[in-house]
Amino acid sequence: MTEYKKVFDEISEVSGGKGVVLVAVSKFHPYEMVEEAYREGARIFGENRVQEMREKFPPKGERPEGMKVYLIGQLQRNKVKKALEWADRIESVDSIPLIDKIEESCEALGIDMEILLEFNSSGEAQKSGFSSEDDLMQAAEHAAGCSHLIVKGIMTIGPLGSDEEKNRRAFKRTKDLYDKLAVIYPSFSVLSMGMSGDWRTALECGSDEVRIGTAIFGERA
């Protein structure tokens, strides 16, 4: 049994029914568990690795009605084409060269692609993402000028560990940047912050999309 409905109901209650999007992070779990979560109401699933996403999920157009798959892990430029063929959104765009590669590959495939820009809100060296406000603003401007990219907003991962105040500072910083960019770019509508251990804090700071894995599917093998 997955815990999708339980988690969804809890998020709805905490958010006051504001329609927070729940991405069910299915990495390292079999497709049978994805199907179970789908039967419980899940429609959006998150995967970290391009190869696993392609091996696990049916291609676009062959999935159950309403099922979408978002790539939430770091994307290498040599895997962009394979990612675009399977993913409905790339939520981890962390460099201008990657933006250019996605645009180039979208042009070749004749498609448009939704993306989120990843912001390194904690400043931790081991994390990917744009590390400064200036870098993020420059990336947003660059991506907005691409014909095949739909820049939906920002994604961040909270600091390592379980320090609520550190999480809160990182999430508030990201929300402030999101608000600045949303005034400039009308396509902005997604602020993706919060995972199994910190989603409550993320919602308090303005997140409207959370990425939950362990609380739904259990510990990964």
Protein backbone atom coordinates (compact mmCIF):
# COMPACT_ATOMS: atom_id res chain seq x y z
CA MET A 1 0.00 0.00 0.00
CA THR A 2 1.16 3.50 -0.78
CA GLU A 3 0.21 6.42 1.44
CA TYR A 4 -0.65 8.85 -1.33
CA LYS A 5 -4.19 9.65 -0.22
CA LYS A 6 -3.12 10.09 3.41
CA VAL A 7 -0.32 12.49 2.44
CA PHE A 8 -2.54 14.36 -0.03
CA ASP A 9 -5.27 14.85 2.58
CA GLU A 10 -2.74 16.07 5.15
CA ILE A 11 -1.25 18.57 2.72
CA SER A 12 -4.72 19.80 1.76
CA GLU A 13 -5.59 20.30 5.42
CA VAL A 14 -2.37 22.14 6.28
CA SER A 15 -2.60 24.36 3.18
CA GLY A 16 -6.24 25.21 3.80
CA GLY A 17 -7.29 23.65 0.52
CA LYS A 18 -5.19 26.02 -1.59
CA GLY A 19 -4.60 23.44 -4.31
CA VAL A 20 -0.95 22.61 -3.61
CA VAL A 21 0.40 20.25 -6.27
CA LEU A 22 1.76 16.97 -4.92
CA VAL A 23 4.50 15.35 -6.99
CA ALA A 24 4.82 11.69 -5.97
CA VAL A 25 8.55 10.93 -6.15
CA SER A 26 8.69 7.36 -7.39
CA LYS A 27 12.44 6.96 -7.90
CA PHE A 28 13.74 3.46 -7.08
CA HIS A 29 10.18 2.16 -6.64
CA PRO A 30 8.56 -0.22 -9.15
CA TYR A 31 5.85 0.76 -11.60
CA GLU A 32 3.38 -1.41 -9.68
CA MET A 33 3.61 1.11 -6.82
CA VAL A 34 3.15 3.97 -9.28
CA GLU A 35 -0.04 2.28 -10.49
CA GLU A 36 -1.23 1.88 -6.92
CA ALA A 37 -0.64 5.56 -6.18
CA TYR A 38 -2.42 6.43 -9.43
CA ARG A 39 -5.46 4.49 -8.28
CA GLU A 40 -5.37 6.54 -5.06
CA GLY A 41 -5.44 9.77 -7.06
CA ALA A 42 -1.79 10.54 -7.90
CA ARG A 43 -1.31 12.01 -11.37
CA ILE A 44 2.15 13.61 -11.28
CA PHE A 45 5.24 11.54 -10.60
CA GLY A 46 8.83 12.65 -10.10
CA GLU A 47 11.91 10.77 -11.26
CA ASN A 48 15.59 11.59 -10.69
CA ARG A 49 17.21 9.61 -13.46
CA VAL A 50 16.49 9.69 -17.17
CA GLN A 51 17.20 5.98 -17.67
CA GLU A 52 14.93 4.90 -14.84
CA MET A 53 12.17 7.20 -16.07
CA ARG A 54 12.34 5.69 -19.55
CA GLU A 55 12.50 2.11 -18.30
CA LYS A 56 9.68 2.51 -15.77
CA PHE A 57 7.06 4.69 -17.43
CA PRO A 58 5.27 4.18 -20.74
CA PRO A 59 6.02 6.77 -23.44
CA LYS A 60 3.96 9.93 -23.73
CA GLY A 61 0.59 9.13 -25.24
CA GLU A 62 0.57 5.59 -23.85
CA ARG A 63 0.19 6.37 -20.15
CA PRO A 64 -3.00 6.19 -18.10
CA GLU A 65 -5.20 9.26 -18.48
CA GLY A 66 -3.74 12.34 -16.82
CA MET A 67 -0.45 10.73 -15.76
CA LYS A 68 2.57 13.03 -16.06
CA VAL A 69 6.23 12.50 -15.27
CA TYR A 70 8.55 15.29 -14.15
CA LEU A 71 12.33 14.96 -14.17
CA ILE A 72 13.45 16.34 -10.81
CA GLY A 73 17.07 15.16 -10.72
CA GLN A 74 20.14 16.79 -12.19
CA LEU A 75 20.17 16.52 -15.97
CA GLN A 76 23.37 16.00 -17.93
CA ARG A 77 23.48 17.68 -21.32
CA ASN A 78 24.21 14.43 -23.14
CA LYS A 79 20.89 13.02 -21.88
CA VAL A 80 18.68 15.98 -22.73
CA LYS A 81 17.10 14.50 -25.87
CA LYS A 82 16.21 11.25 -24.10
CA ALA A 83 14.74 13.23 -21.20
CA LEU A 84 12.62 15.42 -23.46
CA GLU A 85 11.16 12.39 -25.23
CA TRP A 86 9.74 11.07 -21.93
CA ALA A 87 9.33 13.94 -19.45
CA ASP A 88 6.42 16.35 -19.26
CA ARG A 89 8.51 18.90 -17.38
CA ILE A 90 12.18 19.38 -16.45
CA GLU A 91 12.26 20.74 -12.89
CA SER A 92 16.01 20.87 -12.34
CA VAL A 93 17.46 23.30 -14.88
CA ASP A 94 20.64 24.59 -13.27
CA SER A 95 22.79 26.30 -15.92
CA ILE A 96 22.55 28.46 -19.02
CA PRO A 97 24.37 25.86 -21.16
CA LEU A 98 21.68 23.36 -20.12
CA ILE A 99 18.97 25.86 -21.08
CA ASP A 100 20.59 26.20 -24.51
CA LYS A 101 20.83 22.42 -24.95
CA ILE A 102 17.17 21.91 -24.02
CA GLU A 103 16.13 24.66 -26.45
CA GLU A 104 18.26 23.14 -29.22
CA SER A 105 16.85 19.66 -28.63
CA CYS A 106 13.26 20.93 -28.44
CA GLU A 107 13.80 22.60 -31.81
CA ALA A 108 15.05 19.31 -33.28
CA LEU A 109 12.14 17.34 -31.81
CA GLY A 110 9.54 19.95 -32.72
CA ILE A 111 8.21 20.29 -29.17
CA ASP A 112 7.91 22.82 -26.36
CA MET A 113 8.95 21.99 -22.80
CA GLU A 114 8.02 23.33 -19.38
CA ILE A 115 10.99 23.94 -17.10
CA LEU A 116 11.72 25.11 -13.58
CA LEU A 117 14.95 26.90 -12.71
CA GLU A 118 16.72 25.30 -9.76
CA PHE A 119 17.96 27.72 -7.10
CA ASN A 120 20.61 26.67 -4.57
CA SER A 121 18.94 28.45 -1.67
CA SER A 122 21.13 26.89 1.02
CA GLY A 123 24.48 27.71 -0.60
CA GLU A 124 25.69 24.14 -0.02
CA ALA A 125 28.51 23.23 -2.38
CA GLN A 126 27.25 19.67 -2.93
CA LYS A 127 23.98 20.92 -4.37
CA SER A 128 23.30 22.02 -7.92
CA GLY A 129 21.33 25.09 -8.90
CA PHE A 130 21.93 28.78 -9.51
CA SER A 131 23.77 30.05 -6.46
CA SER A 132 23.04 33.79 -6.54
CA GLU A 133 20.15 36.10 -7.25
CA ASP A 134 22.00 37.63 -10.19
CA ASP A 135 22.68 34.21 -11.74
CA LEU A 136 19.04 33.20 -11.36
CA MET A 137 17.77 36.47 -12.84
CA GLN A 138 20.15 36.12 -15.78
CA ALA A 139 19.03 32.54 -16.37
CA ALA A 140 15.35 33.52 -16.26
CA GLU A 141 15.93 36.25 -18.82
CA HIS A 142 17.89 33.87 -21.04
CA ALA A 143 15.28 31.11 -20.85
CA ALA A 144 12.43 33.54 -21.47
CA GLY A 145 14.06 34.39 -24.78
CA CYS A 146 13.96 30.76 -25.95
CA SER A 147 11.19 29.89 -28.39
CA HIS A 148 10.51 26.37 -27.13
CA LEU A 149 10.83 26.77 -23.36
CA ILE A 150 7.98 27.60 -21.00
CA VAL A 151 9.56 28.83 -17.78
CA LYS A 152 7.03 27.89 -15.10
CA GLY A 153 8.96 28.98 -12.02
CA ILE A 154 11.58 27.95 -9.47
CA MET A 155 12.53 24.80 -7.60
CA THR A 156 14.75 24.51 -4.55
CA ILE A 157 15.84 21.81 -2.13
CA GLY A 158 16.04 22.73 1.54
CA PRO A 159 19.30 22.54 3.53
CA LEU A 160 20.65 19.18 4.57
CA GLY A 161 19.57 18.07 8.02
CA SER A 162 16.39 18.92 9.88
CA ASP A 163 17.04 22.44 11.16
CA GLU A 164 13.65 24.10 10.70
CA GLU A 165 14.99 27.64 10.93
CA LYS A 166 17.62 26.99 8.26
CA ASN A 167 14.88 25.55 6.06
CA ARG A 168 12.68 28.55 6.69
CA ARG A 169 15.43 31.04 5.77
CA ALA A 170 16.20 29.16 2.55
CA PHE A 171 12.55 28.88 1.57
CA LYS A 172 11.80 32.54 2.34
CA ARG A 173 14.80 33.61 0.28
CA THR A 174 13.52 31.55 -2.64
CA LYS A 175 9.99 32.93 -2.27
CA ASP A 176 11.32 36.48 -2.37
CA LEU A 177 13.18 35.75 -5.61
CA TYR A 178 10.15 34.01 -7.06
CA ASP A 179 7.97 37.04 -6.33
CA LYS A 180 10.44 39.35 -8.09
CA LEU A 181 10.56 37.15 -11.18
CA ALA A 182 6.82 36.51 -11.31
CA VAL A 183 6.26 40.25 -11.76
CA ILE A 184 8.53 40.20 -14.82
CA TYR A 185 7.57 36.87 -16.39
CA PRO A 186 3.85 36.05 -16.73
CA SER A 187 4.60 32.36 -17.32
CA PHE A 188 5.75 31.97 -13.70
CA SER A 189 3.17 30.01 -11.69
CA VAL A 190 5.12 27.32 -9.80
CA LEU A 191 7.22 27.59 -6.66
CA SER A 192 8.37 24.05 -5.90
CA MET A 193 9.74 23.69 -2.35
CA GLY A 194 9.41 20.97 0.25
CA MET A 195 9.97 17.22 0.55
CA SER A 196 8.95 14.53 3.04
CA GLY A 197 10.81 16.09 5.97
CA ASP A 198 10.19 19.81 5.43
CA TRP A 199 7.02 20.29 3.37
CA ARG A 200 5.10 21.94 6.22
CA THR A 201 7.73 24.66 6.54
CA ALA A 202 7.81 25.04 2.76
CA LEU A 203 4.04 25.56 2.62
CA GLU A 204 4.25 28.19 5.35
CA CYS A 205 6.82 30.01 3.19
CA GLY A 206 4.63 30.01 0.08
CA SER A 207 5.35 26.79 -1.80
CA ASP A 208 2.63 25.63 -4.16
CA GLU A 209 4.26 22.35 -5.22
CA VAL A 210 5.85 19.73 -2.97
CA ARG A 211 7.85 16.66 -3.96
CA ILE A 212 7.14 13.73 -1.64
CA GLY A 213 8.71 10.27 -1.93
CA THR A 214 9.38 8.42 1.31
CA ALA A 215 6.14 9.47 3.03
CA ILE A 216 4.15 8.05 0.08
CA PHE A 217 6.12 5.03 -1.05
CA GLY A 218 8.19 4.15 2.02
CA GLU A 219 11.94 3.72 2.26
CA ARG A 220 13.77 2.99 -0.96
CA ALA A 221 15.59 -0.27 -1.49
